[in-house]
PDB file of all heavy atoms in Angstrom:
ATOM      1  N   LYS A   1     -59.712  68.613 -32.546  1.00  0.00           N
ATOM      2  CA  LYS A   1     -59.320  69.455 -31.415  1.00  0.00           C
ATOM      3  C   LYS A   1     -59.174  68.618 -30.160  1.00  0.00           C
ATOM      4  O   LYS A   1     -58.278  68.774 -29.329  1.00  0.00           O
ATOM      5  CB  LYS A   1     -60.331  70.601 -31.209  1.00  0.00           C
ATOM      6  CG  LYS A   1     -59.963  71.585 -30.175  1.00  0.00           C
ATOM      7  CD  LYS A   1     -60.986  72.751 -30.121  1.00  0.00           C
ATOM      8  CE  LYS A   1     -60.421  73.811 -29.115  1.00  0.00           C
ATOM      9  NZ  LYS A   1     -61.447  74.912 -29.011  1.00  0.00           N
ATOM     10  N   ASN A   2     -60.067  67.689 -29.975  1.00  0.00           N
ATOM     11  CA  ASN A   2     -60.089  66.844 -28.840  1.00  0.00           C
ATOM     12  C   ASN A   2     -58.984  65.817 -28.839  1.00  0.00           C
ATOM     13  O   ASN A   2     -58.391  65.390 -27.872  1.00  0.00           O
ATOM     14  CB  ASN A   2     -61.405  66.100 -28.559  1.00  0.00           C
ATOM     15  CG  ASN A   2     -62.470  67.001 -27.888  1.00  0.00           C
ATOM     16  OD1 ASN A   2     -62.531  67.006 -26.684  1.00  0.00           O
ATOM     17  ND2 ASN A   2     -63.186  67.775 -28.598  1.00  0.00           N
ATOM     18  N   VAL A   3     -58.574  65.334 -30.121  1.00  0.00           N
ATOM     19  CA  VAL A   3     -57.399  64.447 -30.212  1.00  0.00           C
ATOM     20  C   VAL A   3     -56.168  65.183 -29.751  1.00  0.00           C
ATOM     21  O   VAL A   3     -55.334  64.621 -28.997  1.00  0.00           O
ATOM     22  CB  VAL A   3     -57.306  64.033 -31.701  1.00  0.00           C
ATOM     23  CG1 VAL A   3     -55.822  63.432 -31.948  1.00  0.00           C
ATOM     24  CG2 VAL A   3     -58.367  62.989 -32.074  1.00  0.00           C
ATOM     25  N   VAL A   4     -55.983  66.432 -30.189  1.00  0.00           N
ATOM     26  CA  VAL A   4     -54.759  67.225 -29.810  1.00  0.00           C
ATOM     27  C   VAL A   4     -54.817  67.531 -28.295  1.00  0.00           C
ATOM     28  O   VAL A   4     -53.860  67.423 -27.582  1.00  0.00           O
ATOM     29  CB  VAL A   4     -54.725  68.545 -30.628  1.00  0.00           C
ATOM     30  CG1 VAL A   4     -53.659  69.477 -30.078  1.00  0.00           C
ATOM     31  CG2 VAL A   4     -54.451  68.183 -32.086  1.00  0.00           C
ATOM     32  N   ALA A   5     -56.060  67.915 -27.780  1.00  0.00           N
ATOM     33  CA  ALA A   5     -56.219  68.211 -26.387  1.00  0.00           C
ATOM     34  C   ALA A   5     -55.915  66.978 -25.564  1.00  0.00           C
ATOM     35  O   ALA A   5     -55.444  67.130 -24.356  1.00  0.00           O
ATOM     36  CB  ALA A   5     -57.595  68.808 -26.101  1.00  0.00           C
ATOM     37  N   ALA A   6     -56.199  65.840 -26.050  1.00  0.00           N
ATOM     38  CA  ALA A   6     -55.920  64.547 -25.311  1.00  0.00           C
ATOM     39  C   ALA A   6     -54.478  64.194 -25.254  1.00  0.00           C
ATOM     40  O   ALA A   6     -54.099  63.235 -24.508  1.00  0.00           O
ATOM     41  CB  ALA A   6     -56.724  63.365 -25.939  1.00  0.00           C
ATOM     42  N   GLY A   7     -53.646  64.945 -25.959  1.00  0.00           N
ATOM     43  CA  GLY A   7     -52.210  64.597 -26.021  1.00  0.00           C
ATOM     44  C   GLY A   7     -51.812  63.548 -26.876  1.00  0.00           C
ATOM     45  O   GLY A   7     -50.687  63.058 -26.867  1.00  0.00           O
ATOM     46  N   LEU A   8     -52.716  63.100 -27.865  1.00  0.00           N
ATOM     47  CA  LEU A   8     -52.434  62.121 -28.788  1.00  0.00           C
ATOM     48  C   LEU A   8     -51.618  62.571 -30.062  1.00  0.00           C
ATOM     49  O   LEU A   8     -51.047  61.760 -30.721  1.00  0.00           O
ATOM     50  CB  LEU A   8     -53.649  61.421 -29.313  1.00  0.00           C
ATOM     51  CG  LEU A   8     -54.542  60.847 -28.187  1.00  0.00           C
ATOM     52  CD1 LEU A   8     -55.801  60.247 -28.696  1.00  0.00           C
ATOM     53  CD2 LEU A   8     -53.776  59.750 -27.420  1.00  0.00           C
ATOM     54  N   ALA A   9     -51.600  63.877 -30.166  1.00  0.00           N
ATOM     55  CA  ALA A   9     -50.828  64.484 -31.313  1.00  0.00           C
ATOM     56  C   ALA A   9     -50.663  65.967 -31.086  1.00  0.00           C
ATOM     57  O   ALA A   9     -51.461  66.579 -30.362  1.00  0.00           O
ATOM     58  CB  ALA A   9     -51.498  64.171 -32.682  1.00  0.00           C
ATOM     59  N   ASP A  10     -49.705  66.582 -31.771  1.00  0.00           N
ATOM     60  CA  ASP A  10     -49.591  68.078 -31.752  1.00  0.00           C
ATOM     61  C   ASP A  10     -50.276  68.694 -32.892  1.00  0.00           C
ATOM     62  O   ASP A  10     -50.597  69.880 -32.885  1.00  0.00           O
ATOM     63  CB  ASP A  10     -48.109  68.437 -31.766  1.00  0.00           C
ATOM     64  CG  ASP A  10     -47.369  68.083 -30.456  1.00  0.00           C
ATOM     65  OD1 ASP A  10     -48.047  67.989 -29.402  1.00  0.00           O
ATOM     66  OD2 ASP A  10     -46.154  67.770 -30.548  1.00  0.00           O
ATOM     67  N   ARG A  11     -50.537  67.939 -33.970  1.00  0.00           N
ATOM     68  CA  ARG A  11     -51.224  68.363 -35.118  1.00  0.00           C
ATOM     69  C   ARG A  11     -52.146  67.191 -35.521  1.00  0.00           C
ATOM     70  O   ARG A  11     -51.726  66.076 -35.516  1.00  0.00           O
ATOM     71  CB  ARG A  11     -50.356  68.765 -36.269  1.00  0.00           C
ATOM     72  CG  ARG A  11     -49.648  70.119 -36.031  1.00  0.00           C
ATOM     73  CD  ARG A  11     -48.603  70.315 -37.160  1.00  0.00           C
ATOM     74  NE  ARG A  11     -49.139  70.164 -38.482  1.00  0.00           N
ATOM     75  CZ  ARG A  11     -48.424  69.824 -39.574  1.00  0.00           C
ATOM     76  NH1 ARG A  11     -47.150  69.453 -39.432  1.00  0.00           N
ATOM     77  NH2 ARG A  11     -49.010  69.699 -40.729  1.00  0.00           N
ATOM     78  N   CYS A  12     -53.305  67.483 -36.054  1.00  0.00           N
ATOM     79  CA  CYS A  12     -54.215  66.425 -36.416  1.00  0.00           C
ATOM     80  C   CYS A  12     -55.146  66.954 -37.503  1.00  0.00           C
ATOM     81  O   CYS A  12     -55.873  67.904 -37.368  1.00  0.00           O
ATOM     82  CB  CYS A  12     -55.059  65.879 -35.275  1.00  0.00           C
ATOM     83  SG  CYS A  12     -56.163  64.527 -35.587  1.00  0.00           S
ATOM     84  N   THR A  13     -55.223  66.165 -38.640  1.00  0.00           N
ATOM     85  CA  THR A  13     -56.166  66.420 -39.759  1.00  0.00           C
ATOM     86  C   THR A  13     -57.107  65.176 -39.743  1.00  0.00           C
ATOM     87  O   THR A  13     -56.615  64.025 -39.743  1.00  0.00           O
ATOM     88  CB  THR A  13     -55.490  66.588 -41.028  1.00  0.00           C
ATOM     89  OG1 THR A  13     -54.605  67.741 -41.091  1.00  0.00           O
ATOM     90  CG2 THR A  13     -56.480  66.680 -42.161  1.00  0.00           C
ATOM     91  N   ILE A  14     -58.405  65.454 -39.806  1.00  0.00           N
ATOM     92  CA  ILE A  14     -59.406  64.406 -39.884  1.00  0.00           C
ATOM     93  C   ILE A  14     -60.222  64.622 -41.216  1.00  0.00           C
ATOM     94  O   ILE A  14     -60.746  65.694 -41.402  1.00  0.00           O
ATOM     95  CB  ILE A  14     -60.262  64.360 -38.616  1.00  0.00           C
ATOM     96  CG1 ILE A  14     -59.442  63.949 -37.441  1.00  0.00           C
ATOM     97  CG2 ILE A  14     -61.466  63.399 -38.837  1.00  0.00           C
ATOM     98  CD1 ILE A  14     -60.150  63.943 -36.117  1.00  0.00           C
ATOM     99  N   GLN A  15     -60.463  63.542 -41.941  1.00  0.00           N
ATOM    100  CA  GLN A  15     -61.383  63.608 -43.018  1.00  0.00           C
ATOM    101  C   GLN A  15     -62.551  62.648 -42.773  1.00  0.00           C
ATOM    102  O   GLN A  15     -62.404  61.448 -42.358  1.00  0.00           O
ATOM    103  CB  GLN A  15     -60.699  63.117 -44.356  1.00  0.00           C
ATOM    104  CG  GLN A  15     -61.589  63.230 -45.614  1.00  0.00           C
ATOM    105  CD  GLN A  15     -61.129  62.315 -46.727  1.00  0.00           C
ATOM    106  OE1 GLN A  15     -61.180  61.041 -46.574  1.00  0.00           O
ATOM    107  NE2 GLN A  15     -60.759  62.899 -47.854  1.00  0.00           N
ATOM    108  N   LEU A  16     -63.753  63.141 -43.102  1.00  0.00           N
ATOM    109  CA  LEU A  16     -64.997  62.319 -43.071  1.00  0.00           C
ATOM    110  C   LEU A  16     -65.597  62.304 -44.479  1.00  0.00           C
ATOM    111  O   LEU A  16     -65.479  63.362 -45.079  1.00  0.00           O
ATOM    112  CB  LEU A  16     -65.937  62.852 -42.017  1.00  0.00           C
ATOM    113  CG  LEU A  16     -65.467  62.974 -40.548  1.00  0.00           C
ATOM    114  CD1 LEU A  16     -66.528  63.642 -39.718  1.00  0.00           C
ATOM    115  CD2 LEU A  16     -65.137  61.598 -40.021  1.00  0.00           C
ATOM    116  N   SER A  17     -66.135  61.201 -44.883  1.00  0.00           N
ATOM    117  CA  SER A  17     -66.791  61.281 -46.181  1.00  0.00           C
ATOM    118  C   SER A  17     -68.241  60.661 -46.037  1.00  0.00           C
ATOM    119  O   SER A  17     -68.533  59.762 -45.251  1.00  0.00           O
ATOM    120  CB  SER A  17     -66.046  60.429 -47.186  1.00  0.00           C
ATOM    121  OG  SER A  17     -66.029  59.073 -46.879  1.00  0.00           O
ATOM    122  N   TYR A  18     -69.222  61.150 -46.861  1.00  0.00           N
ATOM    123  CA  TYR A  18     -70.585  60.734 -46.877  1.00  0.00           C
ATOM    124  C   TYR A  18     -71.145  60.568 -48.221  1.00  0.00           C
ATOM    125  O   TYR A  18     -70.627  61.172 -49.193  1.00  0.00           O
ATOM    126  CB  TYR A  18     -71.368  61.778 -46.128  1.00  0.00           C
ATOM    127  CG  TYR A  18     -71.008  61.926 -44.641  1.00  0.00           C
ATOM    128  CD1 TYR A  18     -70.011  62.684 -44.185  1.00  0.00           C
ATOM    129  CD2 TYR A  18     -71.820  61.156 -43.679  1.00  0.00           C
ATOM    130  CE1 TYR A  18     -69.652  62.752 -42.874  1.00  0.00           C
ATOM    131  CE2 TYR A  18     -71.484  61.248 -42.335  1.00  0.00           C
ATOM    132  CZ  TYR A  18     -70.427  62.047 -41.946  1.00  0.00           C
ATOM    133  OH  TYR A  18     -70.124  62.115 -40.624  1.00  0.00           O
ATOM    134  N   ALA A  19     -72.240  59.784 -48.342  1.00  0.00           N
ATOM    135  CA  ALA A  19     -72.997  59.609 -49.527  1.00  0.00           C
ATOM    136  C   ALA A  19     -74.453  60.139 -49.304  1.00  0.00           C
ATOM    137  O   ALA A  19     -74.926  59.862 -48.207  1.00  0.00           O
ATOM    138  CB  ALA A  19     -73.036  58.183 -50.060  1.00  0.00           C
ATOM    139  N   ILE A  20     -75.101  60.748 -50.232  1.00  0.00           N
ATOM    140  CA  ILE A  20     -76.413  61.302 -50.017  1.00  0.00           C
ATOM    141  C   ILE A  20     -77.378  60.187 -49.706  1.00  0.00           C
ATOM    142  O   ILE A  20     -77.324  59.144 -50.339  1.00  0.00           O
ATOM    143  CB  ILE A  20     -76.946  62.058 -51.323  1.00  0.00           C
ATOM    144  CG1 ILE A  20     -78.195  62.790 -50.973  1.00  0.00           C
ATOM    145  CG2 ILE A  20     -77.005  61.171 -52.508  1.00  0.00           C
ATOM    146  CD1 ILE A  20     -78.634  63.833 -52.050  1.00  0.00           C
ATOM    147  N   GLY A  21     -78.197  60.354 -48.669  1.00  0.00           N
ATOM    148  CA  GLY A  21     -79.206  59.416 -48.248  1.00  0.00           C
ATOM    149  C   GLY A  21     -78.560  58.312 -47.378  1.00  0.00           C
ATOM    150  O   GLY A  21     -79.353  57.413 -46.858  1.00  0.00           O
ATOM    151  N   VAL A  22     -77.231  58.314 -47.128  1.00  0.00           N
ATOM    152  CA  VAL A  22     -76.650  57.242 -46.268  1.00  0.00           C
ATOM    153  C   VAL A  22     -76.204  57.791 -44.988  1.00  0.00           C
ATOM    154  O   VAL A  22     -75.660  58.908 -44.998  1.00  0.00           O
ATOM    155  CB  VAL A  22     -75.476  56.630 -47.033  1.00  0.00           C
ATOM    156  CG1 VAL A  22     -74.764  55.581 -46.152  1.00  0.00           C
ATOM    157  CG2 VAL A  22     -75.904  56.026 -48.385  1.00  0.00           C
ATOM    158  N   ALA A  23     -76.536  57.090 -43.906  1.00  0.00           N
ATOM    159  CA  ALA A  23     -76.261  57.736 -42.481  1.00  0.00           C
ATOM    160  C   ALA A  23     -74.880  57.749 -42.142  1.00  0.00           C
ATOM    161  O   ALA A  23     -74.270  58.752 -41.790  1.00  0.00           O
ATOM    162  CB  ALA A  23     -77.187  57.038 -41.531  1.00  0.00           C
ATOM    163  N   LYS A  24     -74.267  56.511 -42.120  1.00  0.00           N
ATOM    164  CA  LYS A  24     -72.894  56.275 -41.617  1.00  0.00           C
ATOM    165  C   LYS A  24     -71.854  56.946 -42.578  1.00  0.00           C
ATOM    166  O   LYS A  24     -71.992  56.791 -43.826  1.00  0.00           O
ATOM    167  CB  LYS A  24     -72.575  54.890 -41.299  1.00  0.00           C
ATOM    168  CG  LYS A  24     -73.357  54.271 -40.083  1.00  0.00           C
ATOM    169  CD  LYS A  24     -72.913  52.936 -39.764  1.00  0.00           C
ATOM    170  CE  LYS A  24     -73.615  52.427 -38.529  1.00  0.00           C
ATOM    171  NZ  LYS A  24     -73.170  53.178 -37.309  1.00  0.00           N
ATOM    172  N   PRO A  25     -70.789  57.436 -42.017  1.00  0.00           N
ATOM    173  CA  PRO A  25     -69.778  57.896 -42.963  1.00  0.00           C
ATOM    174  C   PRO A  25     -69.096  56.810 -43.723  1.00  0.00           C
ATOM    175  O   PRO A  25     -68.976  55.643 -43.160  1.00  0.00           O
ATOM    176  CB  PRO A  25     -68.727  58.652 -41.947  1.00  0.00           C
ATOM    177  CG  PRO A  25     -68.988  58.011 -40.658  1.00  0.00           C
ATOM    178  CD  PRO A  25     -70.496  57.669 -40.592  1.00  0.00           C
ATOM    179  N   LEU A  26     -68.697  56.999 -44.903  1.00  0.00           N
ATOM    180  CA  LEU A  26     -68.045  56.039 -45.716  1.00  0.00           C
ATOM    181  C   LEU A  26     -66.556  55.727 -45.276  1.00  0.00           C
ATOM    182  O   LEU A  26     -66.104  54.701 -45.450  1.00  0.00           O
ATOM    183  CB  LEU A  26     -68.021  56.474 -47.199  1.00  0.00           C
ATOM    184  CG  LEU A  26     -69.391  56.960 -47.839  1.00  0.00           C
ATOM    185  CD1 LEU A  26     -69.136  57.235 -49.264  1.00  0.00           C
ATOM    186  CD2 LEU A  26     -70.451  55.905 -47.594  1.00  0.00           C
ATOM    187  N   SER A  27     -66.020  56.831 -44.680  1.00  0.00           N
ATOM    188  CA  SER A  27     -64.611  56.620 -44.303  1.00  0.00           C
ATOM    189  C   SER A  27     -64.307  57.692 -43.178  1.00  0.00           C
ATOM    190  O   SER A  27     -64.859  58.726 -43.141  1.00  0.00           O
ATOM    191  CB  SER A  27     -63.618  56.805 -45.397  1.00  0.00           C
ATOM    192  OG  SER A  27     -63.715  58.139 -45.947  1.00  0.00           O
ATOM    193  N   ILE A  28     -63.313  57.262 -42.348  1.00  0.00           N
ATOM    194  CA  ILE A  28     -62.771  58.201 -41.292  1.00  0.00           C
ATOM    195  C   ILE A  28     -61.228  58.050 -41.427  1.00  0.00           C
ATOM    196  O   ILE A  28     -60.645  57.019 -41.385  1.00  0.00           O
ATOM    197  CB  ILE A  28     -63.148  57.751 -39.861  1.00  0.00           C
ATOM    198  CG1 ILE A  28     -64.673  57.769 -39.702  1.00  0.00           C
ATOM    199  CG2 ILE A  28     -62.486  58.744 -38.884  1.00  0.00           C
ATOM    200  CD1 ILE A  28     -65.129  57.101 -38.311  1.00  0.00           C
ATOM    201  N   TYR A  29     -60.626  59.260 -41.729  1.00  0.00           N
ATOM    202  CA  TYR A  29     -59.171  59.227 -41.965  1.00  0.00           C
ATOM    203  C   TYR A  29     -58.535  60.182 -40.973  1.00  0.00           C
ATOM    204  O   TYR A  29     -59.060  61.342 -40.826  1.00  0.00           O
ATOM    205  CB  TYR A  29     -58.820  59.635 -43.389  1.00  0.00           C
ATOM    206  CG  TYR A  29     -57.425  59.993 -43.730  1.00  0.00           C
ATOM    207  CD1 TYR A  29     -56.483  58.896 -43.911  1.00  0.00           C
ATOM    208  CD2 TYR A  29     -56.954  61.274 -43.830  1.00  0.00           C
ATOM    209  CE1 TYR A  29     -55.168  59.173 -44.245  1.00  0.00           C
ATOM    210  CE2 TYR A  29     -55.627  61.525 -44.101  1.00  0.00           C
ATOM    211  CZ  TYR A  29     -54.732  60.488 -44.300  1.00  0.00           C
ATOM    212  OH  TYR A  29     -53.448  60.778 -44.549  1.00  0.00           O
ATOM    213  N   VAL A  30     -57.406  59.822 -40.418  1.00  0.00           N
ATOM    214  CA  VAL A  30     -56.616  60.693 -39.477  1.00  0.00           C
ATOM    215  C   VAL A  30     -55.191  60.779 -39.913  1.00  0.00           C
ATOM    216  O   VAL A  30     -54.506  59.736 -40.311  1.00  0.00           O
ATOM    217  CB  VAL A  30     -56.689  59.992 -38.005  1.00  0.00           C
ATOM    218  CG1 VAL A  30     -55.728  60.854 -37.127  1.00  0.00           C
ATOM    219  CG2 VAL A  30     -58.046  60.099 -37.457  1.00  0.00           C
ATOM    220  N   ASP A  31     -54.678  61.968 -39.920  1.00  0.00           N
ATOM    221  CA  ASP A  31     -53.280  62.210 -40.191  1.00  0.00           C
ATOM    222  C   ASP A  31     -52.671  63.053 -39.071  1.00  0.00           C
ATOM    223  O   ASP A  31     -53.222  64.198 -38.865  1.00  0.00           O
ATOM    224  CB  ASP A  31     -53.151  62.905 -41.525  1.00  0.00           C
ATOM    225  CG  ASP A  31     -51.610  63.076 -41.961  1.00  0.00           C
ATOM    226  OD1 ASP A  31     -50.731  62.749 -41.185  1.00  0.00           O
ATOM    227  OD2 ASP A  31     -51.453  63.550 -43.145  1.00  0.00           O
ATOM    228  N   THR A  32     -51.743  62.561 -38.344  1.00  0.00           N
ATOM    229  CA  THR A  32     -51.095  63.391 -37.283  1.00  0.00           C
ATOM    230  C   THR A  32     -49.811  64.066 -37.690  1.00  0.00           C
ATOM    231  O   THR A  32     -49.089  64.548 -36.818  1.00  0.00           O
ATOM    232  CB  THR A  32     -50.937  62.566 -36.046  1.00  0.00           C
ATOM    233  OG1 THR A  32     -50.157  61.409 -36.313  1.00  0.00           O
ATOM    234  CG2 THR A  32     -52.249  62.132 -35.434  1.00  0.00           C
ATOM    235  N   HIS A  33     -49.483  63.932 -38.939  1.00  0.00           N
ATOM    236  CA  HIS A  33     -48.369  64.664 -39.515  1.00  0.00           C
ATOM    237  C   HIS A  33     -47.046  64.395 -38.803  1.00  0.00           C
ATOM    238  O   HIS A  33     -46.144  65.301 -38.614  1.00  0.00           O
ATOM    239  CB  HIS A  33     -48.556  66.140 -39.513  1.00  0.00           C
ATOM    240  CG  HIS A  33     -49.885  66.595 -40.151  1.00  0.00           C
ATOM    241  ND1 HIS A  33     -50.043  66.754 -41.459  1.00  0.00           N
ATOM    242  CD2 HIS A  33     -51.099  66.772 -39.553  1.00  0.00           C
ATOM    243  CE1 HIS A  33     -51.340  67.033 -41.759  1.00  0.00           C
ATOM    244  NE2 HIS A  33     -51.982  67.086 -40.573  1.00  0.00           N
ATOM    245  N   GLY A  34     -46.813  63.164 -38.346  1.00  0.00           N
ATOM    246  CA  GLY A  34     -45.599  62.767 -37.700  1.00  0.00           C
ATOM    247  C   GLY A  34     -45.526  63.213 -36.294  1.00  0.00           C
ATOM    248  O   GLY A  34     -44.470  62.976 -35.647  1.00  0.00           O
ATOM    249  N   THR A  35     -46.584  63.746 -35.715  1.00  0.00           N
ATOM    250  CA  THR A  35     -46.597  64.255 -34.328  1.00  0.00           C
ATOM    251  C   THR A  35     -47.350  63.255 -33.379  1.00  0.00           C
ATOM    252  O   THR A  35     -47.461  63.577 -32.206  1.00  0.00           O
ATOM    253  CB  THR A  35     -47.215  65.605 -34.228  1.00  0.00           C
ATOM    254  OG1 THR A  35     -48.590  65.580 -34.430  1.00  0.00           O
ATOM    255  CG2 THR A  35     -46.580  66.648 -35.187  1.00  0.00           C
TER     256      THR A  35
END
C-alpha cells in the first residue's frame, strides 16, 4: 500500500517468506505488473 501511495507503481504485489525459528525473511519479492 505504501509503495503505491508513494507513486512508485499503480499496482504492487509483495511476497515475503519465512522459516520456523528463523527471524529474517528468506526472500522479499516485488511485482509491479508493468506499472
